[in-house]
Amino acid sequence: MTQDLHGNADQVAELVHRSGEVLARCNREGFPHIAHKTTPSQTGSDQDFIHGGPDGTQLHTMINNVTTLATASVVANRPDLGAVAQEHLLVFFLDPQTGMNPRLTFPDGKPTDLVEFYDLPRLLDSIALIQDELSGDFRSALKGWFSAFLDRVDDIKSHYHPSATGLAGGAYDVLRMGLATWLGRSEIVKDQAAEVQGRLEQAIKADGRTLLPVGLQMDALAVSAELASRAGVDLWGHKTRTGGGSLINAVQALVTDANNKGQAPQLYDRTIKLAQRHAARN
């Protein structure tokens, strides 16, 4: 992504402009965090992330802000913007007054679809962009937080069996693999990739098309395949046991079908771009 932006002055200028808007909003409203809830937390700690409530809005605002600031810091050579991205991370994860507890909580005590954490890999990729600007102590603290969070994600793995082809399983795959990728835990990425193979068996038809609703669920498979590829596992080309369908064939079939009908593919742009990236590598 940063390579694409480096040579486009207009896009870099737009990114810097958006970063300025982020700074102005933070000056008005403060940094995103979950500690000050409008009603007391059901767990007794306002620093617990509660699914299905306003905490998700704060999480996504933080992810969007850090992504914008970190990318602008790199492509525009603006380390000051990277410093503000770091402050976001401090407030949301590490500050003892405002930082989120590294655990999972659910309204009814039972694990749900985790869709609110679906975009966490984008945050972790953004942190990687500015990691050289972070102090050793700060990087260690972040690693400790995300390691503890991964342990809690591991604790609920049994709730997301490979036979579950809906969003619940896909979001769990992306979350666990994203955390493990950033932490350098390739053995966990490979373990979860085997679970994704089970989902592909349920989702991909013999002709390469998909039984899944397009959109978010297909994107979850695409993101999982990208993360798996970083650990040397090819989920894009994995052939299902019944008919030999594959994820890359499913995406290509959906795009071809839409083009033949003169329609836009009912796929996220990221899904298509990740498929194109895979094709370019092979």
C-alpha atoms as a PDB file:
ATOM      1  CA  MET A   1       0.000   0.000   0.000  1.00  0.00           C
ATOM      2  CA  THR A   2       2.740   2.499   0.969  1.00  0.00           C
ATOM      3  CA  GLN A   3       4.649   1.625  -2.210  1.00  0.00           C
ATOM      4  CA  ASP A   4       1.571   2.560  -4.263  1.00  0.00           C
ATOM      5  CA  LEU A   5       1.261   5.912  -2.472  1.00  0.00           C
ATOM      6  CA  HIS A   6       4.899   7.010  -2.567  1.00  0.00           C
ATOM      7  CA  GLY A   7       4.719   7.965  -6.235  1.00  0.00           C
ATOM      8  CA  ASN A   8       1.328   9.703  -6.114  1.00  0.00           C
ATOM      9  CA  ALA A   9       1.653  13.238  -4.809  1.00  0.00           C
ATOM     10  CA  ASP A  10      -2.109  13.868  -4.854  1.00  0.00           C
ATOM     11  CA  GLN A  11      -2.877  10.792  -2.764  1.00  0.00           C
ATOM     12  CA  VAL A  12      -0.088  11.626  -0.311  1.00  0.00           C
ATOM     13  CA  ALA A  13      -1.464  15.150   0.058  1.00  0.00           C
ATOM     14  CA  GLU A  14      -4.961  13.755   0.666  1.00  0.00           C
ATOM     15  CA  LEU A  15      -3.595  11.385   3.299  1.00  0.00           C
ATOM     16  CA  VAL A  16      -1.820  14.229   5.091  1.00  0.00           C
ATOM     17  CA  HIS A  17      -5.035  16.271   4.927  1.00  0.00           C
ATOM     18  CA  ARG A  18      -6.987  13.402   6.499  1.00  0.00           C
ATOM     19  CA  SER A  19      -4.324  13.140   9.186  1.00  0.00           C
ATOM     20  CA  GLY A  20      -4.893  16.816   9.972  1.00  0.00           C
ATOM     21  CA  GLU A  21      -8.601  16.094  10.384  1.00  0.00           C
ATOM     22  CA  VAL A  22      -7.756  13.260  12.780  1.00  0.00           C
ATOM     23  CA  LEU A  23      -5.589  15.608  14.852  1.00  0.00           C
ATOM     24  CA  ALA A  24      -8.317  18.259  14.975  1.00  0.00           C
ATOM     25  CA  ARG A  25     -10.917  15.696  16.051  1.00  0.00           C
ATOM     26  CA  CYS A  26      -8.649  14.346  18.788  1.00  0.00           C
ATOM     27  CA  ASN A  27      -8.020  17.879  20.050  1.00  0.00           C
ATOM     28  CA  ARG A  28     -11.777  18.403  20.288  1.00  0.00           C
ATOM     29  CA  GLU A  29     -12.883  15.014  21.579  1.00  0.00           C
ATOM     30  CA  GLY A  30      -9.811  13.312  23.000  1.00  0.00           C
ATOM     31  CA  PHE A  31      -8.282  10.026  21.893  1.00  0.00           C
ATOM     32  CA  PRO A  32     -10.509   6.981  21.358  1.00  0.00           C
ATOM     33  CA  HIS A  33     -10.776   4.755  24.423  1.00  0.00           C
ATOM     34  CA  ILE A  34     -13.357   2.607  26.187  1.00  0.00           C
ATOM     35  CA  ALA A  35     -12.752   3.389  29.853  1.00  0.00           C
ATOM     36  CA  HIS A  36     -15.438   6.066  30.279  1.00  0.00           C
ATOM     37  CA  LYS A  37     -18.730   4.327  29.544  1.00  0.00           C
ATOM     38  CA  THR A  38     -22.112   6.003  29.670  1.00  0.00           C
ATOM     39  CA  THR A  39     -23.354   3.183  31.921  1.00  0.00           C
ATOM     40  CA  PRO A  40     -21.338   1.003  34.331  1.00  0.00           C
ATOM     41  CA  SER A  41     -19.763  -2.083  32.802  1.00  0.00           C
ATOM     42  CA  GLN A  42     -21.519  -5.346  33.545  1.00  0.00           C
ATOM     43  CA  THR A  43     -18.136  -6.885  34.406  1.00  0.00           C
ATOM     44  CA  GLY A  44     -17.333  -4.324  37.075  1.00  0.00           C
ATOM     45  CA  SER A  45     -14.473  -2.829  35.054  1.00  0.00           C
ATOM     46  CA  ASP A  46     -15.076  -0.027  32.582  1.00  0.00           C
ATOM     47  CA  GLN A  47     -11.833  -1.067  30.878  1.00  0.00           C
ATOM     48  CA  ASP A  48     -13.358  -4.345  29.676  1.00  0.00           C
ATOM     49  CA  PHE A  49     -14.379  -4.317  26.023  1.00  0.00           C
ATOM     50  CA  ILE A  50     -18.054  -5.252  25.858  1.00  0.00           C
ATOM     51  CA  HIS A  51     -19.297  -6.735  22.592  1.00  0.00           C
ATOM     52  CA  GLY A  52     -22.463  -5.390  21.042  1.00  0.00           C
ATOM     53  CA  GLY A  53     -22.099  -1.895  22.506  1.00  0.00           C
ATOM     54  CA  PRO A  54     -20.418   1.462  21.915  1.00  0.00           C
ATOM     55  CA  ASP A  55     -16.942   0.083  22.634  1.00  0.00           C
ATOM     56  CA  GLY A  56     -16.822  -1.181  19.043  1.00  0.00           C
ATOM     57  CA  THR A  57     -17.158   2.386  17.741  1.00  0.00           C
ATOM     58  CA  GLN A  58     -14.184   3.497  19.822  1.00  0.00           C
ATOM     59  CA  LEU A  59     -12.138   0.519  18.608  1.00  0.00           C
ATOM     60  CA  HIS A  60     -12.842   1.215  14.934  1.00  0.00           C
ATOM     61  CA  THR A  61     -12.166   4.936  15.318  1.00  0.00           C
ATOM     62  CA  MET A  62      -8.800   4.112  16.880  1.00  0.00           C
ATOM     63  CA  ILE A  63      -7.928   1.629  14.100  1.00  0.00           C
ATOM     64  CA  ASN A  64      -8.871   4.100  11.367  1.00  0.00           C
ATOM     65  CA  ASN A  65      -6.922   6.912  13.027  1.00  0.00           C
ATOM     66  CA  VAL A  66      -3.769   4.851  13.565  1.00  0.00           C
ATOM     67  CA  THR A  67      -3.894   3.509  10.006  1.00  0.00           C
ATOM     68  CA  THR A  68      -4.193   7.015   8.554  1.00  0.00           C
ATOM     69  CA  LEU A  69      -1.501   8.501  10.781  1.00  0.00           C
ATOM     70  CA  ALA A  70       0.991   5.650  10.446  1.00  0.00           C
ATOM     71  CA  THR A  71       0.669   5.510   6.665  1.00  0.00           C
ATOM     72  CA  ALA A  72       1.023   9.293   6.348  1.00  0.00           C
ATOM     73  CA  SER A  73       4.048   9.194   8.636  1.00  0.00           C
ATOM     74  CA  VAL A  74       5.823   6.817   6.256  1.00  0.00           C
ATOM     75  CA  VAL A  75       4.827   8.110   2.814  1.00  0.00           C
ATOM     76  CA  ALA A  76       5.068  11.819   3.701  1.00  0.00           C
ATOM     77  CA  ASN A  77       8.105  11.449   5.978  1.00  0.00           C
ATOM     78  CA  ARG A  78       6.169  12.930   8.893  1.00  0.00           C
ATOM     79  CA  PRO A  79       7.429  11.274  12.095  1.00  0.00           C
ATOM     80  CA  ASP A  80       5.258  13.688  14.074  1.00  0.00           C
ATOM     81  CA  LEU A  81       2.197  11.872  12.728  1.00  0.00           C
ATOM     82  CA  GLY A  82       3.719   8.542  13.738  1.00  0.00           C
ATOM     83  CA  ALA A  83       4.115   9.948  17.248  1.00  0.00           C
ATOM     84  CA  VAL A  84       0.375  10.724  17.383  1.00  0.00           C
ATOM     85  CA  ALA A  85      -0.390   7.188  16.193  1.00  0.00           C
ATOM     86  CA  GLN A  86       1.763   5.929  19.061  1.00  0.00           C
ATOM     87  CA  GLU A  87      -0.197   8.092  21.494  1.00  0.00           C
ATOM     88  CA  HIS A  88      -3.404   6.470  20.250  1.00  0.00           C
ATOM     89  CA  LEU A  89      -1.942   3.043  21.030  1.00  0.00           C
ATOM     90  CA  LEU A  90      -0.839   4.183  24.475  1.00  0.00           C
ATOM     91  CA  VAL A  91      -4.280   5.520  25.367  1.00  0.00           C
ATOM     92  CA  PHE A  92      -6.252   2.563  24.011  1.00  0.00           C
ATOM     93  CA  PHE A  93      -4.066  -0.324  25.177  1.00  0.00           C
ATOM     94  CA  LEU A  94      -1.408   0.636  27.711  1.00  0.00           C
ATOM     95  CA  ASP A  95      -2.505   3.572  29.852  1.00  0.00           C
ATOM     96  CA  PRO A  96      -3.575   2.209  33.269  1.00  0.00           C
ATOM     97  CA  GLN A  97      -6.492   4.668  33.394  1.00  0.00           C
ATOM     98  CA  THR A  98      -7.881   4.274  29.876  1.00  0.00           C
ATOM     99  CA  GLY A  99      -6.306   1.130  28.381  1.00  0.00           C
ATOM    100  CA  MET A 100      -8.461  -1.837  27.418  1.00  0.00           C
ATOM    101  CA  ASN A 101      -8.060  -4.985  29.493  1.00  0.00           C
ATOM    102  CA  PRO A 102      -6.500  -7.734  27.312  1.00  0.00           C
ATOM    103  CA  ARG A 103      -9.424 -10.109  27.555  1.00  0.00           C
ATOM    104  CA  LEU A 104     -12.729 -10.896  25.879  1.00  0.00           C
ATOM    105  CA  THR A 105     -16.105 -10.286  27.480  1.00  0.00           C
ATOM    106  CA  PHE A 106     -19.557 -11.023  26.091  1.00  0.00           C
ATOM    107  CA  PRO A 107     -23.044  -9.783  27.059  1.00  0.00           C
ATOM    108  CA  ASP A 108     -24.368 -13.277  27.858  1.00  0.00           C
ATOM    109  CA  GLY A 109     -21.062 -14.867  28.828  1.00  0.00           C
ATOM    110  CA  LYS A 110     -20.916 -16.896  25.600  1.00  0.00           C
ATOM    111  CA  PRO A 111     -18.494 -16.184  22.727  1.00  0.00           C
ATOM    112  CA  THR A 112     -20.092 -14.495  19.751  1.00  0.00           C
ATOM    113  CA  ASP A 113     -18.972 -13.578  16.227  1.00  0.00           C
ATOM    114  CA  LEU A 114     -16.083 -11.245  17.206  1.00  0.00           C
ATOM    115  CA  VAL A 115     -16.893  -9.115  14.180  1.00  0.00           C
ATOM    116  CA  GLU A 116     -15.892  -5.988  16.083  1.00  0.00           C
ATOM    117  CA  PHE A 117     -12.277  -7.226  16.073  1.00  0.00           C
ATOM    118  CA  TYR A 118     -12.374  -8.201  12.406  1.00  0.00           C
ATOM    119  CA  ASP A 119     -10.212  -5.258  11.327  1.00  0.00           C
ATOM    120  CA  LEU A 120      -7.494  -5.769  13.938  1.00  0.00           C
ATOM    121  CA  PRO A 121      -4.933  -7.090  11.375  1.00  0.00           C
ATOM    122  CA  ARG A 122      -5.104  -3.694   9.639  1.00  0.00           C
ATOM    123  CA  LEU A 123      -4.113  -2.059  12.919  1.00  0.00           C
ATOM    124  CA  LEU A 124      -1.252  -4.502  13.431  1.00  0.00           C
ATOM    125  CA  ASP A 125       0.043  -3.895   9.902  1.00  0.00           C
ATOM    126  CA  SER A 126      -0.063  -0.158  10.628  1.00  0.00           C
ATOM    127  CA  ILE A 127       1.931  -0.625  13.833  1.00  0.00           C
ATOM    128  CA  ALA A 128       4.508  -2.538  11.791  1.00  0.00           C
ATOM    129  CA  LEU A 129       4.901   0.524   9.539  1.00  0.00           C
ATOM    130  CA  ILE A 130       6.084   2.690  12.441  1.00  0.00           C
ATOM    131  CA  GLN A 131       7.714   0.074  14.659  1.00  0.00           C
ATOM    132  CA  ASP A 132      11.175   1.562  14.116  1.00  0.00           C
ATOM    133  CA  GLU A 133       9.899   4.827  15.586  1.00  0.00           C
ATOM    134  CA  LEU A 134       8.750   3.091  18.788  1.00  0.00           C
ATOM    135  CA  SER A 135      11.031   2.691  21.765  1.00  0.00           C
ATOM    136  CA  GLY A 136      12.076  -0.785  22.824  1.00  0.00           C
ATOM    137  CA  ASP A 137      10.050  -0.472  26.027  1.00  0.00           C
ATOM    138  CA  PHE A 138       6.938   0.579  24.109  1.00  0.00           C
ATOM    139  CA  ARG A 139       7.264  -2.299  21.643  1.00  0.00           C
ATOM    140  CA  SER A 140       7.726  -4.732  24.525  1.00  0.00           C
ATOM    141  CA  ALA A 141       4.636  -3.390  26.287  1.00  0.00           C
ATOM    142  CA  LEU A 142       2.540  -3.742  23.128  1.00  0.00           C
ATOM    143  CA  LYS A 143       3.857  -7.251  22.567  1.00  0.00           C
ATOM    144  CA  GLY A 144       2.941  -8.154  26.138  1.00  0.00           C
ATOM    145  CA  TRP A 145      -0.593  -6.792  25.723  1.00  0.00           C
ATOM    146  CA  PHE A 146      -1.260  -8.587  22.443  1.00  0.00           C
ATOM    147  CA  SER A 147       0.312 -11.808  23.734  1.00  0.00           C
ATOM    148  CA  ALA A 148      -2.067 -11.783  26.696  1.00  0.00           C
ATOM    149  CA  PHE A 149      -4.977 -11.044  24.363  1.00  0.00           C
ATOM    150  CA  LEU A 150      -3.986 -13.914  22.069  1.00  0.00           C
ATOM    151  CA  ASP A 151      -4.043 -16.246  25.067  1.00  0.00           C
ATOM    152  CA  ARG A 152      -7.663 -15.245  25.715  1.00  0.00           C
ATOM    153  CA  VAL A 153      -8.508 -15.749  22.036  1.00  0.00           C
ATOM    154  CA  ASP A 154      -6.966 -19.226  22.229  1.00  0.00           C
ATOM    155  CA  ASP A 155      -9.132 -20.014  25.258  1.00  0.00           C
ATOM    156  CA  ILE A 156     -12.324 -19.837  23.159  1.00  0.00           C
ATOM    157  CA  LYS A 157     -11.068 -21.640  20.043  1.00  0.00           C
ATOM    158  CA  SER A 158     -13.403 -24.607  20.595  1.00  0.00           C
ATOM    159  CA  HIS A 159     -16.420 -22.343  19.991  1.00  0.00           C
ATOM    160  CA  TYR A 160     -15.386 -21.734  16.366  1.00  0.00           C
ATOM    161  CA  HIS A 161     -15.296 -25.206  14.811  1.00  0.00           C
ATOM    162  CA  PRO A 162     -14.231 -25.490  11.128  1.00  0.00           C
ATOM    163  CA  SER A 163     -17.732 -26.657  10.220  1.00  0.00           C
ATOM    164  CA  ALA A 164     -18.983 -23.139  11.007  1.00  0.00           C
ATOM    165  CA  THR A 165     -18.951 -21.347   7.646  1.00  0.00           C
ATOM    166  CA  GLY A 166     -20.669 -18.172   8.818  1.00  0.00           C
ATOM    167  CA  LEU A 167     -19.105 -14.926   9.924  1.00  0.00           C
ATOM    168  CA  ALA A 168     -18.407 -16.225  13.430  1.00  0.00           C
ATOM    169  CA  GLY A 169     -15.770 -18.685  12.260  1.00  0.00           C
ATOM    170  CA  GLY A 170     -14.282 -16.365   9.664  1.00  0.00           C
ATOM    171  CA  ALA A 171     -13.879 -13.457  12.077  1.00  0.00           C
ATOM    172  CA  TYR A 172     -12.233 -15.746  14.619  1.00  0.00           C
ATOM    173  CA  ASP A 173      -9.767 -16.996  11.967  1.00  0.00           C
ATOM    174  CA  VAL A 174      -8.780 -13.438  11.048  1.00  0.00           C
ATOM    175  CA  LEU A 175      -8.386 -12.368  14.680  1.00  0.00           C
ATOM    176  CA  ARG A 176      -6.281 -15.331  15.813  1.00  0.00           C
ATOM    177  CA  MET A 177      -4.101 -15.403  12.695  1.00  0.00           C
ATOM    178  CA  GLY A 178      -3.636 -11.626  12.700  1.00  0.00           C
ATOM    179  CA  LEU A 179      -2.447 -11.570  16.299  1.00  0.00           C
ATOM    180  CA  ALA A 180      -0.153 -14.551  15.784  1.00  0.00           C
ATOM    181  CA  THR A 181       1.321 -13.056  12.602  1.00  0.00           C
ATOM    182  CA  TRP A 182       2.233  -9.801  14.322  1.00  0.00           C
ATOM    183  CA  LEU A 183       3.714 -11.663  17.282  1.00  0.00           C
ATOM    184  CA  GLY A 184       5.767 -13.961  15.037  1.00  0.00           C
ATOM    185  CA  ARG A 185       3.875 -17.064  16.196  1.00  0.00           C
ATOM    186  CA  SER A 186       3.877 -18.910  12.864  1.00  0.00           C
ATOM    187  CA  GLU A 187       2.917 -22.193  14.513  1.00  0.00           C
ATOM    188  CA  ILE A 188      -0.403 -20.650  15.579  1.00  0.00           C
ATOM    189  CA  VAL A 189      -0.972 -19.207  12.104  1.00  0.00           C
ATOM    190  CA  LYS A 190      -0.435 -22.661  10.576  1.00  0.00           C
ATOM    191  CA  ASP A 191      -2.693 -24.276  13.166  1.00  0.00           C
ATOM    192  CA  GLN A 192      -5.527 -21.859  12.374  1.00  0.00           C
ATOM    193  CA  ALA A 193      -4.889 -22.194   8.632  1.00  0.00           C
ATOM    194  CA  ALA A 194      -5.802 -25.871   8.995  1.00  0.00           C
ATOM    195  CA  GLU A 195      -9.117 -24.748  10.502  1.00  0.00           C
ATOM    196  CA  VAL A 196      -9.688 -22.437   7.532  1.00  0.00           C
ATOM    197  CA  GLN A 197      -9.116 -25.378   5.193  1.00  0.00           C
ATOM    198  CA  GLY A 198     -12.030 -27.058   6.940  1.00  0.00           C
ATOM    199  CA  ARG A 199     -14.208 -24.010   6.296  1.00  0.00           C
ATOM    200  CA  LEU A 200     -13.189 -24.005   2.639  1.00  0.00           C
ATOM    201  CA  GLU A 201     -14.370 -27.606   2.374  1.00  0.00           C
ATOM    202  CA  GLN A 202     -17.803 -26.426   3.480  1.00  0.00           C
ATOM    203  CA  ALA A 203     -17.862 -23.206   1.453  1.00  0.00           C
ATOM    204  CA  ILE A 204     -16.363 -23.851  -1.998  1.00  0.00           C
ATOM    205  CA  LYS A 205     -18.248 -25.812  -4.664  1.00  0.00           C
ATOM    206  CA  ALA A 206     -16.646 -28.171  -7.167  1.00  0.00           C
ATOM    207  CA  ASP A 207     -16.709 -25.554  -9.947  1.00  0.00           C
ATOM    208  CA  GLY A 208     -14.799 -23.095  -7.790  1.00  0.00           C
ATOM    209  CA  ARG A 209     -17.808 -21.006  -6.889  1.00  0.00           C
ATOM    210  CA  THR A 210     -18.805 -20.344  -3.324  1.00  0.00           C
ATOM    211  CA  LEU A 211     -21.783 -21.304  -1.201  1.00  0.00           C
ATOM    212  CA  LEU A 212     -21.102 -18.342   1.067  1.00  0.00           C
ATOM    213  CA  PRO A 213     -22.816 -14.991   0.874  1.00  0.00           C
ATOM    214  CA  VAL A 214     -20.344 -12.687  -0.834  1.00  0.00           C
ATOM    215  CA  GLY A 215     -18.948  -9.651   0.913  1.00  0.00           C
ATOM    216  CA  LEU A 216     -17.650  -9.863   4.438  1.00  0.00           C
ATOM    217  CA  GLN A 217     -17.451 -13.651   4.698  1.00  0.00           C
ATOM    218  CA  MET A 218     -15.497 -13.993   1.459  1.00  0.00           C
ATOM    219  CA  ASP A 219     -13.253 -11.163   2.609  1.00  0.00           C
ATOM    220  CA  ALA A 220     -12.571 -13.052   5.848  1.00  0.00           C
ATOM    221  CA  LEU A 221     -11.388 -16.037   3.820  1.00  0.00           C
ATOM    222  CA  ALA A 222      -9.233 -13.767   1.653  1.00  0.00           C
ATOM    223  CA  VAL A 223      -7.605 -12.064   4.653  1.00  0.00           C
ATOM    224  CA  SER A 224      -7.017 -15.461   6.277  1.00  0.00           C
ATOM    225  CA  ALA A 225      -5.387 -16.667   3.048  1.00  0.00           C
ATOM    226  CA  GLU A 226      -3.113 -13.606   2.949  1.00  0.00           C
ATOM    227  CA  LEU A 227      -2.055 -14.123   6.579  1.00  0.00           C
ATOM    228  CA  ALA A 228      -1.468 -17.833   5.970  1.00  0.00           C
ATOM    229  CA  SER A 229       0.733 -17.044   2.958  1.00  0.00           C
ATOM    230  CA  ARG A 230       3.069 -15.068   5.243  1.00  0.00           C
ATOM    231  CA  ALA A 231       3.620 -18.318   7.158  1.00  0.00           C
ATOM    232  CA  GLY A 232       4.182 -20.333   3.988  1.00  0.00           C
ATOM    233  CA  VAL A 233       0.693 -21.877   3.773  1.00  0.00           C
ATOM    234  CA  ASP A 234      -1.258 -21.623   0.493  1.00  0.00           C
ATOM    235  CA  LEU A 235      -4.948 -21.310   1.290  1.00  0.00           C
ATOM    236  CA  TRP A 236      -5.701 -19.520  -1.968  1.00  0.00           C
ATOM    237  CA  GLY A 237      -4.844 -22.582  -4.028  1.00  0.00           C
ATOM    238  CA  HIS A 238      -5.970 -25.220  -1.540  1.00  0.00           C
ATOM    239  CA  LYS A 239      -8.051 -27.751  -3.472  1.00  0.00           C
ATOM    240  CA  THR A 240     -11.127 -29.033  -1.697  1.00  0.00           C
ATOM    241  CA  ARG A 241     -11.427 -32.790  -1.348  1.00  0.00           C
ATOM    242  CA  THR A 242     -14.805 -32.836  -3.073  1.00  0.00           C
ATOM    243  CA  GLY A 243     -14.373 -31.483  -6.592  1.00  0.00           C
ATOM    244  CA  GLY A 244     -11.105 -29.624  -6.282  1.00  0.00           C
ATOM    245  CA  GLY A 245     -12.552 -26.121  -5.921  1.00  0.00           C
ATOM    246  CA  SER A 246     -10.371 -23.378  -4.456  1.00  0.00           C
ATOM    247  CA  LEU A 247     -10.668 -19.903  -2.967  1.00  0.00           C
ATOM    248  CA  ILE A 248      -8.799 -18.237  -5.835  1.00  0.00           C
ATOM    249  CA  ASN A 249     -11.121 -19.947  -8.327  1.00  0.00           C
ATOM    250  CA  ALA A 250     -14.158 -18.822  -6.335  1.00  0.00           C
ATOM    251  CA  VAL A 251     -13.076 -15.166  -6.377  1.00  0.00           C
ATOM    252  CA  GLN A 252     -12.203 -15.318 -10.072  1.00  0.00           C
ATOM    253  CA  ALA A 253     -15.564 -16.975 -10.861  1.00  0.00           C
ATOM    254  CA  LEU A 254     -17.487 -14.267  -8.999  1.00  0.00           C
ATOM    255  CA  VAL A 255     -15.580 -11.490 -10.788  1.00  0.00           C
ATOM    256  CA  THR A 256     -15.997 -13.142 -14.214  1.00  0.00           C
ATOM    257  CA  ASP A 257     -19.704 -13.720 -13.653  1.00  0.00           C
ATOM    258  CA  ALA A 258     -20.218 -10.077 -12.659  1.00  0.00           C
ATOM    259  CA  ASN A 259     -18.245  -8.834 -15.665  1.00  0.00           C
ATOM    260  CA  ASN A 260     -20.280 -11.019 -18.023  1.00  0.00           C
ATOM    261  CA  LYS A 261     -23.460  -9.498 -16.604  1.00  0.00           C
ATOM    262  CA  GLY A 262     -22.103  -5.960 -16.772  1.00  0.00           C
ATOM    263  CA  GLN A 263     -22.313  -5.634 -12.996  1.00  0.00           C
ATOM    264  CA  ALA A 264     -19.872  -4.713 -10.268  1.00  0.00           C
ATOM    265  CA  PRO A 265     -18.626  -7.782  -8.366  1.00  0.00           C
ATOM    266  CA  GLN A 266     -20.356  -8.224  -5.019  1.00  0.00           C
ATOM    267  CA  LEU A 267     -16.971  -8.446  -3.370  1.00  0.00           C
ATOM    268  CA  TYR A 268     -14.959  -6.064  -1.232  1.00  0.00           C
ATOM    269  CA  ASP A 269     -12.181  -4.266  -3.111  1.00  0.00           C
ATOM    270  CA  ARG A 270      -9.723  -5.737  -0.628  1.00  0.00           C
ATOM    271  CA  THR A 271     -10.852  -9.281  -1.494  1.00  0.00           C
ATOM    272  CA  ILE A 272     -10.137  -8.689  -5.176  1.00  0.00           C
ATOM    273  CA  LYS A 273      -6.814  -6.941  -4.509  1.00  0.00           C
ATOM    274  CA  LEU A 274      -5.625  -9.775  -2.264  1.00  0.00           C
ATOM    275  CA  ALA A 275      -6.582 -12.299  -4.947  1.00  0.00           C
ATOM    276  CA  GLN A 276      -4.673 -10.240  -7.527  1.00  0.00           C
ATOM    277  CA  ARG A 277      -1.666 -10.127  -5.206  1.00  0.00           C
ATOM    278  CA  HIS A 278      -1.735 -13.889  -4.885  1.00  0.00           C
ATOM    279  CA  ALA A 279      -2.008 -14.333  -8.659  1.00  0.00           C
ATOM    280  CA  ALA A 280       0.952 -11.997  -9.208  1.00  0.00           C
ATOM    281  CA  ARG A 281       3.085 -14.076  -6.844  1.00  0.00           C
ATOM    282  CA  ASN A 282       2.297 -17.328  -8.637  1.00  0.00           C
END
